Protein backbone atom coordinates (compact mmCIF):
# COMPACT_ATOMS: atom_id res chain seq x y z
CA MET A 1 -126.41 -107.38 51.50
CA PRO A 2 -128.67 -104.82 53.27
CA PRO A 3 -127.98 -101.12 52.79
CA HIS A 4 -126.37 -100.68 56.24
CA GLY A 5 -124.12 -103.63 55.38
CA ASN A 6 -122.90 -101.79 52.29
CA VAL A 7 -122.07 -98.74 54.40
CA THR A 8 -120.19 -100.88 56.93
CA PHE A 9 -118.26 -102.62 54.16
CA LEU A 10 -117.30 -99.30 52.53
CA LEU A 11 -116.21 -97.88 55.88
CA ILE A 12 -114.00 -100.90 56.64
CA PHE A 13 -112.56 -100.84 53.10
CA SER A 14 -111.79 -97.11 53.38
CA ILE A 15 -110.03 -97.58 56.72
CA MET A 16 -108.00 -100.49 55.32
CA PHE A 17 -107.10 -98.49 52.19
CA LEU A 18 -105.98 -95.45 54.16
CA SER A 19 -104.03 -97.65 56.56
CA TRP A 20 -102.32 -99.32 53.59
CA ARG A 21 -101.34 -95.95 52.18
CA ILE A 22 -99.96 -94.77 55.52
CA CYS A 23 -98.06 -98.00 56.15
CA HIS A 24 -96.62 -98.01 52.64
CA GLY A 25 -95.84 -94.28 52.58
CA GLY A 26 -92.20 -93.34 52.28
CA LYS A 27 -90.03 -91.29 54.62
CA ILE A 28 -88.55 -88.32 52.83
CA LEU A 29 -85.88 -85.90 54.03
CA VAL A 30 -86.25 -82.50 52.34
CA VAL A 31 -83.36 -80.04 52.28
CA PRO A 32 -84.80 -76.88 50.67
CA VAL A 33 -83.60 -73.45 49.59
CA GLU A 34 -85.10 -70.29 51.04
CA GLY A 35 -87.25 -67.65 49.33
CA SER A 36 -89.23 -68.36 46.18
CA HIS A 37 -87.53 -71.76 45.89
CA TRP A 38 -89.24 -72.78 49.11
CA VAL A 39 -92.63 -71.65 47.78
CA ASN A 40 -92.67 -74.31 45.08
CA MET A 41 -90.93 -76.94 47.24
CA ASP A 42 -93.71 -76.48 49.83
CA ILE A 43 -96.32 -77.22 47.15
CA LEU A 44 -94.52 -80.45 46.25
CA ILE A 45 -94.28 -81.41 49.94
CA LYS A 46 -98.03 -80.93 50.40
CA ALA A 47 -98.69 -83.25 47.47
CA LEU A 48 -96.31 -85.88 48.89
CA HIS A 49 -98.02 -85.65 52.28
CA SER A 50 -101.42 -86.13 50.63
CA ARG A 51 -100.12 -89.42 49.19
CA GLY A 52 -99.35 -90.74 52.67
CA HIS A 53 -95.63 -89.96 52.78
CA SER A 54 -93.90 -88.69 55.90
CA VAL A 55 -91.82 -85.57 55.24
CA ASP A 56 -89.12 -84.01 57.42
CA VAL A 57 -87.71 -80.61 56.44
CA ILE A 58 -84.29 -79.37 57.55
CA ARG A 59 -84.31 -75.66 58.28
CA ALA A 60 -81.97 -73.19 59.96
CA ASN A 61 -83.08 -71.57 63.20
CA GLU A 62 -82.77 -68.24 61.33
CA SER A 63 -85.03 -69.48 58.52
CA TRP A 64 -86.76 -66.78 56.50
CA TYR A 65 -89.68 -68.63 54.90
CA ILE A 66 -89.82 -72.14 56.35
CA LYS A 67 -92.22 -72.22 59.28
CA ASP A 68 -91.44 -74.32 62.33
CA ASP A 69 -94.81 -76.05 62.39
CA SER A 70 -96.95 -77.38 59.57
CA PRO A 71 -99.69 -79.99 59.17
CA HIS A 72 -97.93 -81.59 56.19
CA TYR A 73 -94.30 -81.79 57.36
CA LYS A 74 -92.14 -81.83 60.47
CA THR A 75 -89.15 -79.56 60.82
CA ILE A 76 -85.64 -80.44 61.94
CA THR A 77 -84.17 -77.13 63.04
CA PHE A 78 -80.39 -76.74 63.00
CA PRO A 79 -78.71 -73.80 64.77
CA VAL A 80 -76.61 -71.44 62.62
CA THR A 81 -74.85 -68.15 63.28
CA GLU A 82 -75.75 -66.60 59.91
CA ALA A 83 -78.40 -67.51 57.36
CA PHE A 84 -79.85 -66.64 53.96
CA ASN A 85 -82.65 -64.41 55.21
CA HIS A 86 -84.16 -60.93 54.89
CA ASP A 87 -81.15 -59.21 56.50
CA PHE A 88 -78.76 -60.96 54.11
CA VAL A 89 -80.76 -60.51 50.90
CA ILE A 90 -82.35 -57.03 51.02
CA PRO A 91 -79.12 -54.93 51.13
CA ILE A 92 -77.75 -56.95 48.19
CA LEU A 93 -80.92 -56.44 46.16
CA LYS A 94 -80.88 -52.70 46.76
CA ARG A 95 -77.28 -52.48 45.53
CA MET A 96 -78.11 -54.61 42.48
CA ILE A 97 -81.08 -52.41 41.56
CA VAL A 98 -78.83 -49.33 41.67
CA ILE A 99 -76.28 -51.09 39.43
CA VAL A 100 -78.87 -52.39 36.96
CA ARG A 101 -80.28 -48.89 36.47
CA GLU A 102 -76.88 -47.75 35.16
CA SER A 103 -76.52 -48.98 31.58
CA SER A 104 -72.77 -49.08 31.00
CA LEU A 105 -69.78 -51.43 30.78
CA LEU A 106 -68.79 -50.35 34.28
CA SER A 107 -72.22 -51.30 35.62
CA PHE A 108 -71.92 -54.74 33.96
CA VAL A 109 -68.56 -55.31 35.65
CA SER A 110 -69.96 -54.03 38.96
CA LEU A 111 -72.92 -56.40 38.65
CA GLN A 112 -70.60 -59.37 38.04
CA VAL A 113 -68.51 -58.40 41.08
CA GLU A 114 -71.60 -58.00 43.26
CA PHE A 115 -73.01 -61.30 42.03
CA SER A 116 -69.68 -63.06 42.67
CA ASN A 117 -69.44 -61.67 46.20
CA THR A 118 -73.01 -62.80 46.88
CA LYS A 119 -72.22 -66.31 45.67
CA ILE A 120 -69.08 -66.50 47.80
CA ASN A 121 -70.89 -65.45 50.96
CA MET A 122 -73.97 -67.58 50.34
CA HIS A 123 -72.04 -70.78 49.67
CA ARG A 124 -69.65 -70.02 52.52
CA MET A 125 -72.65 -69.98 54.88
CA ILE A 126 -74.01 -73.22 53.42
CA SER A 127 -70.60 -74.92 53.61
CA LYS A 128 -70.28 -73.84 57.25
CA MET A 129 -73.77 -75.18 58.00
CA THR A 130 -72.91 -78.51 56.33
CA THR A 131 -69.65 -78.79 58.27
CA ASP A 132 -71.44 -78.12 61.55
CA MET A 133 -74.03 -80.78 60.71
CA PHE A 134 -71.40 -83.43 59.96
CA GLU A 135 -69.47 -82.59 63.13
CA ASP A 136 -72.62 -82.94 65.24
CA LYS A 137 -72.62 -86.72 65.75
CA ASP A 138 -75.93 -86.71 67.62
CA PHE A 139 -77.61 -84.82 64.79
CA MET A 140 -76.26 -87.17 62.12
CA ASN A 141 -77.11 -90.27 64.13
CA SER A 142 -80.67 -89.02 64.60
CA LEU A 143 -81.01 -88.68 60.81
CA LYS A 144 -79.65 -92.19 60.25
CA GLU A 145 -81.99 -93.67 62.83
CA ARG A 146 -85.03 -92.31 60.99
CA GLU A 147 -84.20 -94.56 58.00
CA TYR A 148 -85.32 -92.23 55.22
CA ASP A 149 -86.10 -93.55 51.76
CA LEU A 150 -84.62 -90.62 49.87
CA VAL A 151 -83.39 -87.03 50.03
CA LEU A 152 -85.31 -84.39 48.08
CA THR A 153 -83.34 -81.18 47.65
CA ASP A 154 -82.83 -78.07 45.55
CA PRO A 155 -79.23 -78.16 44.22
CA THR A 156 -78.90 -74.38 44.23
CA TRP A 157 -77.26 -75.11 47.59
CA GLY A 158 -74.93 -78.04 48.19
CA VAL A 159 -75.96 -79.13 51.69
CA GLY A 160 -78.64 -81.61 50.58
CA ILE A 161 -76.32 -83.17 48.01
CA MET A 162 -73.63 -83.93 50.59
CA LEU A 163 -76.17 -85.05 53.20
CA ALA A 164 -77.55 -87.63 50.77
CA HIS A 165 -74.04 -88.98 50.22
CA ALA A 166 -73.32 -89.09 53.96
CA LEU A 167 -76.59 -90.92 54.65
CA LYS A 168 -76.18 -93.20 51.59
CA LEU A 169 -79.65 -92.32 50.30
CA PRO A 170 -81.09 -91.91 46.79
CA LEU A 171 -81.08 -88.28 45.71
CA VAL A 172 -83.86 -86.42 43.86
CA TYR A 173 -83.64 -82.80 42.75
CA ASN A 174 -86.40 -80.20 42.57
CA VAL A 175 -84.31 -78.17 40.20
CA ARG A 176 -83.85 -75.52 37.66
CA TRP A 177 -80.66 -73.92 38.94
CA ILE A 178 -77.48 -75.39 40.35
CA THR A 179 -74.77 -73.29 41.97
CA GLY A 180 -74.64 -70.41 39.52
CA ALA A 181 -76.01 -71.93 36.32
CA GLU A 182 -78.93 -73.76 34.72
CA GLY A 183 -79.11 -77.42 35.73
CA HIS A 184 -78.88 -78.90 32.22
CA LEU A 185 -75.32 -77.59 31.86
CA VAL A 186 -73.88 -80.30 34.11
CA VAL A 187 -76.20 -83.20 33.30
CA ALA A 188 -76.85 -83.00 29.54
CA PRO A 189 -74.93 -82.04 26.37
CA SER A 190 -75.17 -78.27 25.99
CA PRO A 191 -73.83 -76.97 22.66
CA LEU A 192 -73.13 -73.26 23.11
CA SER A 193 -74.10 -72.63 19.50
CA TYR A 194 -77.79 -72.73 20.45
CA ILE A 195 -77.97 -73.20 24.23
CA PRO A 196 -77.97 -69.67 25.73
CA MET A 197 -76.09 -69.14 28.97
CA PHE A 198 -77.79 -67.77 32.08
CA GLY A 199 -77.37 -64.00 32.21
CA SER A 200 -76.48 -63.62 28.53
CA GLY A 201 -79.95 -62.41 27.51
CA LEU A 202 -79.75 -64.56 24.38
CA SER A 203 -82.22 -66.91 22.71
CA ASP A 204 -81.50 -70.19 20.93
CA LYS A 205 -81.05 -68.33 17.61
CA MET A 206 -77.67 -66.58 17.71
CA THR A 207 -75.50 -64.66 15.29
CA PHE A 208 -71.72 -65.07 15.28
CA VAL A 209 -71.28 -62.13 17.68
CA GLN A 210 -73.96 -63.51 19.99
CA ARG A 211 -72.30 -66.94 20.00
CA LEU A 212 -69.07 -65.20 20.97
CA LYS A 213 -70.92 -63.43 23.80
CA ASN A 214 -72.45 -66.75 24.87
CA LEU A 215 -68.99 -68.34 25.04
CA ILE A 216 -67.74 -65.46 27.20
CA PHE A 217 -70.64 -65.91 29.63
CA PHE A 218 -69.93 -69.65 29.74
CA GLY A 219 -66.31 -68.84 30.60
CA ILE A 220 -67.41 -66.43 33.36
CA TRP A 221 -69.60 -69.14 34.89
CA LYS A 222 -66.86 -71.79 34.70
CA VAL A 223 -64.30 -69.48 36.32
CA GLN A 224 -66.71 -68.45 39.08
CA ASP A 225 -67.67 -72.05 39.73
CA ALA A 226 -64.06 -73.29 39.71
CA LEU A 227 -62.68 -70.49 41.90
CA LEU A 228 -65.56 -69.33 44.12
CA VAL A 229 -68.07 -72.17 44.61
CA ASP A 230 -66.67 -75.65 44.02
CA PRO A 231 -63.62 -75.25 46.33
CA GLN A 232 -65.87 -74.40 49.29
CA TYR A 233 -67.93 -77.57 48.93
CA GLN A 234 -64.90 -79.65 47.96
CA ALA A 235 -63.24 -78.66 51.24
CA VAL A 236 -66.20 -80.19 53.09
CA CYS A 237 -65.94 -83.37 50.99
CA ASP A 238 -62.19 -83.59 51.63
CA LYS A 239 -62.70 -83.27 55.37
CA PHE A 240 -65.51 -85.80 55.79
CA PHE A 241 -65.42 -88.10 52.73
CA GLY A 242 -61.80 -87.94 51.56
CA PRO A 243 -60.23 -86.26 48.52
CA GLU A 244 -61.27 -89.11 46.21
CA VAL A 245 -64.91 -87.95 46.51
CA ARG A 246 -65.44 -85.01 44.18
CA TYR A 247 -68.27 -82.60 44.90
CA SER A 248 -68.80 -82.11 41.16
CA ASP A 249 -69.46 -85.87 40.84
CA LEU A 250 -71.95 -85.79 43.72
CA LEU A 251 -73.75 -82.89 42.04
CA LYS A 252 -74.03 -84.71 38.72
CA GLY A 253 -74.84 -88.07 40.27
CA ALA A 254 -78.41 -87.47 41.46
CA ASP A 255 -80.83 -90.29 40.66
CA LEU A 256 -83.51 -87.96 39.34
CA TRP A 257 -83.67 -84.36 38.14
CA LEU A 258 -87.21 -82.96 38.40
CA MET A 259 -86.91 -79.91 36.14
CA ARG A 260 -89.23 -76.98 36.84
CA VAL A 261 -89.67 -76.24 33.13
CA ASP A 262 -91.18 -77.83 30.04
CA PHE A 263 -90.48 -77.29 26.36
CA VAL A 264 -93.44 -75.00 25.90
CA PHE A 265 -91.48 -72.56 28.06
CA GLU A 266 -87.85 -73.65 27.66
CA PHE A 267 -85.89 -73.61 24.40
CA PRO A 268 -85.60 -77.14 22.92
CA ARG A 269 -82.29 -78.79 23.85
CA PRO A 270 -80.67 -82.21 24.46
CA THR A 271 -81.66 -83.97 27.66
CA MET A 272 -81.06 -87.20 29.63
CA PRO A 273 -83.18 -90.20 30.76
CA ASN A 274 -83.07 -89.18 34.44
CA VAL A 275 -84.30 -85.64 33.71
CA VAL A 276 -88.09 -85.41 34.16
CA TYR A 277 -89.98 -82.23 33.25
CA MET A 278 -92.62 -80.86 35.60
CA GLY A 279 -92.87 -77.25 34.43
CA GLY A 280 -95.93 -75.54 35.90
CA PHE A 281 -96.46 -78.21 38.56
CA GLN A 282 -97.37 -75.48 41.04
CA CYS A 283 -100.09 -74.05 38.76
CA LYS A 284 -103.76 -74.82 39.34
CA PRO A 285 -107.18 -73.53 38.27
CA ALA A 286 -108.21 -70.27 39.87
CA GLU A 287 -110.35 -70.28 43.01
CA PRO A 288 -112.89 -67.57 43.93
CA LEU A 289 -111.36 -64.29 45.10
CA PRO A 290 -111.94 -62.78 48.54
CA GLU A 291 -115.06 -60.64 48.48
CA HIS A 292 -113.31 -57.24 48.58
CA LEU A 293 -111.03 -58.19 45.68
CA GLU A 294 -113.89 -59.63 43.62
CA GLU A 295 -115.84 -56.37 44.06
CA PHE A 296 -112.81 -54.35 42.95
CA VAL A 297 -112.21 -56.59 39.93
CA GLN A 298 -115.87 -56.48 38.87
CA SER A 299 -115.86 -52.68 39.12
CA SER A 300 -113.36 -52.59 36.24
CA GLY A 301 -116.15 -53.22 33.73
CA GLU A 302 -115.13 -54.01 30.15
CA HIS A 303 -111.61 -52.61 30.61
CA GLY A 304 -110.53 -55.36 33.00
CA VAL A 305 -107.72 -55.54 35.52
CA ILE A 306 -103.91 -55.32 35.53
CA ILE A 307 -102.02 -57.01 38.34
CA MET A 308 -98.45 -56.24 39.36
CA SER A 309 -96.06 -58.11 41.64
CA MET A 310 -92.28 -58.02 41.88
CA GLY A 311 -92.07 -61.37 43.62
CA THR A 312 -90.76 -62.78 46.86
CA PHE A 313 -87.62 -60.68 47.31
CA VAL A 314 -88.47 -57.23 45.91
CA ASN A 315 -91.03 -55.63 48.19
CA GLU A 316 -90.39 -52.15 46.89
CA LEU A 317 -88.59 -50.32 44.10
CA PRO A 318 -86.80 -46.95 44.37
CA ALA A 319 -89.20 -44.10 45.15
CA ASP A 320 -88.77 -42.26 41.83
CA MET A 321 -89.47 -45.43 39.87
CA THR A 322 -92.46 -46.28 42.06
CA ASN A 323 -93.97 -42.85 41.43
CA GLU A 324 -93.42 -43.21 37.68
CA ILE A 325 -95.17 -46.59 37.68
CA ALA A 326 -98.08 -45.28 39.79
CA ALA A 327 -98.49 -42.26 37.50
CA ALA A 328 -98.60 -44.53 34.44
CA PHE A 329 -101.23 -46.75 36.05
CA ALA A 330 -103.33 -43.68 36.90
CA ARG A 331 -103.57 -42.80 33.18
CA LEU A 332 -105.09 -46.19 32.24
CA PRO A 333 -108.80 -47.07 32.09
CA GLN A 334 -108.09 -50.48 33.67
CA LYS A 335 -108.19 -51.15 37.39
CA VAL A 336 -104.83 -52.13 38.91
CA ILE A 337 -104.00 -54.42 41.84
CA TRP A 338 -100.39 -53.85 42.91
CA ARG A 339 -98.50 -55.85 45.52
CA HIS A 340 -96.25 -53.24 47.12
CA LYS A 341 -94.97 -52.92 50.70
CA GLY A 342 -93.06 -49.64 50.56
CA ASP A 343 -94.29 -46.10 51.03
CA ARG A 344 -97.45 -45.27 49.09
CA PRO A 345 -96.51 -43.36 45.92
CA ALA A 346 -97.77 -39.79 45.79
CA SER A 347 -98.96 -40.31 42.21
CA GLN A 348 -101.24 -43.27 43.03
CA GLY A 349 -104.49 -43.03 41.08
CA ASN A 350 -108.02 -43.91 42.17
CA ASN A 351 -107.95 -46.94 39.88
CA THR A 352 -105.04 -48.55 41.76
CA LEU A 353 -105.39 -50.83 44.78
CA ILE A 354 -102.10 -51.38 46.65
CA VAL A 355 -101.94 -54.54 48.77
CA ASP A 356 -99.35 -56.30 50.94
CA TRP A 357 -100.34 -59.69 49.54
CA MET A 358 -102.58 -60.99 46.79
CA PRO A 359 -103.78 -64.40 45.58
CA GLN A 360 -101.67 -64.20 42.43
CA ASN A 361 -102.73 -67.50 40.85
CA ASP A 362 -106.44 -66.77 41.43
CA LEU A 363 -106.12 -63.28 39.98
CA LEU A 364 -104.24 -64.54 36.92
CA GLY A 365 -107.01 -67.06 36.35
CA HIS A 366 -109.79 -64.46 36.60
CA PRO A 367 -111.46 -63.71 33.24
CA LYS A 368 -111.13 -59.95 33.78
CA THR A 369 -107.34 -60.01 34.18
CA LYS A 370 -105.80 -58.51 31.05
CA LEU A 371 -102.12 -58.10 31.90
CA PHE A 372 -99.48 -59.18 34.42
CA VAL A 373 -96.63 -56.79 35.29
CA ALA A 374 -93.97 -59.03 36.78
CA HIS A 375 -90.28 -59.30 37.67
CA GLY A 376 -89.87 -62.58 35.79
CA GLY A 377 -89.47 -65.19 38.51
CA THR A 378 -90.02 -68.77 37.36
CA ASN A 379 -93.17 -69.30 39.42
CA GLY A 380 -94.86 -66.11 38.21
CA VAL A 381 -94.13 -66.47 34.51
CA GLN A 382 -95.30 -70.09 34.52
CA GLU A 383 -98.55 -69.14 36.26
CA ALA A 384 -99.06 -66.44 33.61
CA LEU A 385 -98.38 -69.03 30.89
CA PHE A 386 -100.76 -71.52 32.51
CA HIS A 387 -103.60 -68.97 32.56
CA GLY A 388 -102.72 -67.38 29.19
CA VAL A 389 -102.11 -63.84 30.51
CA PRO A 390 -99.60 -61.63 28.61
CA VAL A 391 -96.73 -60.10 30.56
CA VAL A 392 -94.85 -56.82 30.80
CA GLY A 393 -91.58 -57.79 32.45
CA LEU A 394 -89.37 -55.66 34.72
CA PRO A 395 -86.42 -58.01 35.40
CA VAL A 396 -84.13 -57.14 38.30
CA PHE A 397 -81.51 -59.90 38.71
CA PHE A 398 -80.60 -63.60 38.48
CA ASP A 399 -82.70 -65.58 35.96
CA GLN A 400 -85.51 -63.07 35.56
CA TYR A 401 -84.51 -61.56 32.21
CA ASP A 402 -83.88 -65.04 30.79
CA ASN A 403 -87.31 -66.26 31.94
CA LEU A 404 -89.08 -63.28 30.39
CA LEU A 405 -87.06 -63.66 27.20
CA ARG A 406 -88.54 -67.13 26.70
CA LEU A 407 -92.04 -65.61 26.73
CA LYS A 408 -90.95 -62.67 24.58
CA GLU A 409 -89.48 -64.99 21.92
CA ARG A 410 -92.85 -66.73 21.75
CA GLY A 411 -94.73 -63.45 21.40
CA GLY A 412 -96.31 -63.39 24.87
CA ALA A 413 -94.33 -60.71 26.71
CA LYS A 414 -92.58 -57.37 26.41
CA ILE A 415 -89.46 -56.66 28.48
CA LEU A 416 -88.57 -53.28 29.95
CA THR A 417 -85.23 -52.89 31.73
CA LEU A 418 -85.16 -50.94 34.99
CA ASN A 419 -83.02 -48.16 33.53
CA ALA A 420 -85.75 -47.48 30.94
CA VAL A 421 -88.84 -47.54 33.20
CA ASP A 422 -88.83 -43.88 34.16
CA LYS A 423 -87.83 -42.44 30.76
CA ASP A 424 -90.07 -41.11 27.97
CA ASP A 425 -93.23 -42.80 29.27
CA ASN A 426 -91.67 -46.19 28.41
CA PHE A 427 -93.60 -48.03 31.09
CA LEU A 428 -96.96 -46.66 29.98
CA LYS A 429 -96.18 -47.32 26.30
CA ALA A 430 -95.17 -50.93 27.04
CA ILE A 431 -98.43 -51.59 28.90
CA GLN A 432 -100.55 -49.98 26.18
CA GLU A 433 -98.77 -51.98 23.47
CA VAL A 434 -99.41 -55.33 25.17
CA LEU A 435 -103.02 -54.40 26.01
CA ASN A 436 -103.88 -53.09 22.55
CA GLU A 437 -102.02 -55.60 20.36
CA PRO A 438 -104.14 -58.80 20.30
CA SER A 439 -101.20 -61.03 19.33
CA TYR A 440 -99.75 -60.94 22.85
CA ARG A 441 -102.85 -62.44 24.42
CA MET A 442 -103.41 -64.85 21.53
CA ASN A 443 -99.85 -66.14 21.79
CA MET A 444 -100.07 -66.65 25.56
CA GLN A 445 -103.37 -68.49 25.22
CA ARG A 446 -101.82 -70.73 22.55
CA LEU A 447 -98.92 -71.48 24.91
CA SER A 448 -101.42 -72.20 27.67
CA ARG A 449 -103.21 -74.76 25.48
CA LEU A 450 -99.90 -76.43 24.59
CA HIS A 451 -98.82 -76.53 28.23
CA ARG A 452 -102.06 -78.14 29.39
CA ASP A 453 -102.20 -80.71 26.57
CA THR A 454 -100.20 -83.49 28.26
CA PRO A 455 -100.96 -87.13 29.12
CA MET A 456 -100.27 -86.46 32.83
CA LYS A 457 -100.40 -83.34 34.95
CA PRO A 458 -96.91 -82.09 35.87
CA MET A 459 -97.52 -82.71 39.58
CA ASP A 460 -98.64 -86.30 38.92
CA THR A 461 -95.50 -86.84 36.84
CA ALA A 462 -93.31 -85.53 39.65
CA LEU A 463 -95.02 -87.69 42.28
CA PHE A 464 -94.79 -90.82 40.14
CA TRP A 465 -91.04 -90.47 39.67
CA ILE A 466 -90.33 -89.64 43.31
CA GLU A 467 -92.23 -92.77 44.33
CA PHE A 468 -90.45 -94.71 41.56
CA VAL A 469 -87.09 -93.84 43.15
CA MET A 470 -88.39 -94.90 46.57
CA ARG A 471 -89.75 -98.21 45.26
CA HIS A 472 -86.51 -99.11 43.50
CA LYS A 473 -84.05 -97.61 46.02
CA GLY A 474 -82.72 -95.25 43.38
CA ALA A 475 -82.64 -94.97 39.59
CA ALA A 476 -79.06 -95.89 38.75
CA HIS A 477 -80.15 -97.41 35.44
CA LEU A 478 -81.20 -93.93 34.24
CA ARG A 479 -77.96 -92.17 35.19
CA PRO A 480 -75.57 -91.69 32.25
CA ALA A 481 -71.94 -92.70 32.70
CA SER A 482 -70.88 -89.21 31.65
CA TYR A 483 -71.01 -87.77 35.16
CA ARG A 484 -68.07 -89.94 36.25
CA LEU A 485 -65.91 -89.11 33.24
CA PRO A 486 -63.18 -86.45 33.41
CA TRP A 487 -63.66 -83.60 30.96
CA TYR A 488 -61.00 -84.83 28.55
CA SER A 489 -62.67 -88.26 28.32
CA TYR A 490 -66.17 -86.78 28.02
CA HIS A 491 -65.07 -84.68 25.05
CA SER A 492 -62.82 -87.50 23.70
CA VAL A 493 -59.81 -85.20 23.83
CA ASP A 494 -57.58 -88.16 24.74
CA VAL A 495 -58.91 -90.18 21.79
CA VAL A 496 -58.43 -87.29 19.37
CA LEU A 497 -54.87 -86.74 20.63
CA PHE A 498 -54.13 -90.46 20.32
CA LEU A 499 -55.46 -90.59 16.75
CA ALA A 500 -53.66 -87.36 15.86
CA GLY A 501 -50.46 -88.84 17.30
CA ALA A 502 -50.96 -92.08 15.39
CA VAL A 503 -51.54 -90.20 12.11
CA LEU A 504 -48.53 -88.01 12.81
CA LEU A 505 -46.40 -91.10 13.53
CA VAL A 506 -47.51 -92.74 10.26
CA LEU A 507 -46.82 -89.53 8.31
CA CYS A 508 -43.41 -89.14 9.96
CA THR A 509 -42.59 -92.78 9.18
CA ILE A 510 -43.61 -92.36 5.54
CA PHE A 511 -41.62 -89.13 5.36
CA LEU A 512 -38.51 -90.80 6.81
CA LEU A 513 -38.87 -93.80 4.47
CA ILE A 514 -39.19 -91.51 1.46
CA ARG A 515 -36.24 -89.47 2.67
CA CYS A 516 -34.11 -92.60 3.19
CA LEU A 517 -35.13 -93.95 -0.22
CA TYR A 518 -34.37 -90.62 -1.84
CA THR A 519 -30.97 -90.43 -0.12
CA THR A 520 -30.12 -93.99 -1.16
CA MET A 521 -31.07 -93.33 -4.78
CA CYS A 522 -29.06 -90.11 -4.84
CA LYS A 523 -25.99 -91.91 -3.52
CA ARG A 524 -26.31 -94.68 -6.15
CA LYS A 525 -26.67 -92.12 -8.89
CA ALA A 526 -23.61 -90.26 -7.64
CA LYS A 527 -21.55 -93.49 -7.73
CA ARG A 528 -22.63 -94.27 -11.32
CA ASP A 529 -21.72 -90.75 -12.39
């Protein structure tokens, strides 16, 4: 075949291949969660789009992060009267920061009350949104007419779970958290003797007192879930599906749980066949920095660079704490890049560059980056692990302390609570310790090597299993029967009671027989006497 014939053949083959991919691409309905949860869901959506799948994203008209237009998904905007956005979140965070800075029993109780109120209001809004969706017949019919292959959702909110049931579609989770707890707690055996509860600040190695504390935190979660969260979603199920459909069963009954962790990061624990681990799927090799940042980084010389970011929600810390942090940075030989949107601290040094936004992944992957000061969000700590950068953690709320603890237990991070930041140069001492003690960096680089040493990249694993569910119209064969069992059957309480009753009956029978025999013998002896 002449050369131009080869080109023509390759062009035709390419067109046919791309057409095949488009024709055989699935139709996916995504029901996301706002904030940092959307950041990693958006990365997964881009990857699905690149594989030829069509993606629709449900968003509220008051959406905080989810843009109305995108080249890799289409939005379905639903009108709401209140939403989980900046106006809802920021006042709560400010109150939580004030509470966290007070180290006392009263502050712990106040934090639990604040957290409970937040959960009530958040899930009330989501339940109202779900109810409005189900009552809007045109909206629901339009979803049915699109003939989706599956629903991809984050189960931190319940709307996607109930939508999948209403549309009779396979359900896949992009998950770490469910409503108020870590996802494994409802899908896999979770012995409290070595599975630490969210918020407890414990590792998988616990003393008796710590196990007692862990049990108390488990009880707090169960009470909150039973009284504050589950009833709100169950009311929606009762209204539209009937009381025989339990929301807790819908939550447990997903076809696939794509967990945003792996066991380099997470403590080892029991799992299930339909739980697939994709920890660090959002991580990627660093790309070149913008010119102005590269110049600043290179100017650091042999000392290198420290980067600091408090994540999606926390744009600024209290002014006194900000000034303490800036003053500590000014005393270091390293250059500092700090993502901060509040007022510029008066104590800012010449070595510190304050920015509204920074390419965090690219900076973490830069060879001159020596340390990451972070709040402990899942995305940030996993990027630090991926690039092997040690961490000084300043946790604020939710899962952040627990995330940082997992790095600390492996020797890659030091944690500083907010109430200790502005006391006795604690912040400066923590940074100097992590910079000057080689074990921190060595341990993080070892974790990085372990994380990368897998047969498939986490993103490829996630995409394979999503497409697996689409190909097979679900993954029922991977779902354990446990999610349909009542608690007393799951823990074999009924069996234990039955066996205990049977043993008791046998013992009582033997006792009565012996008593009757003894009585009979006594009577015979009395007659002979």
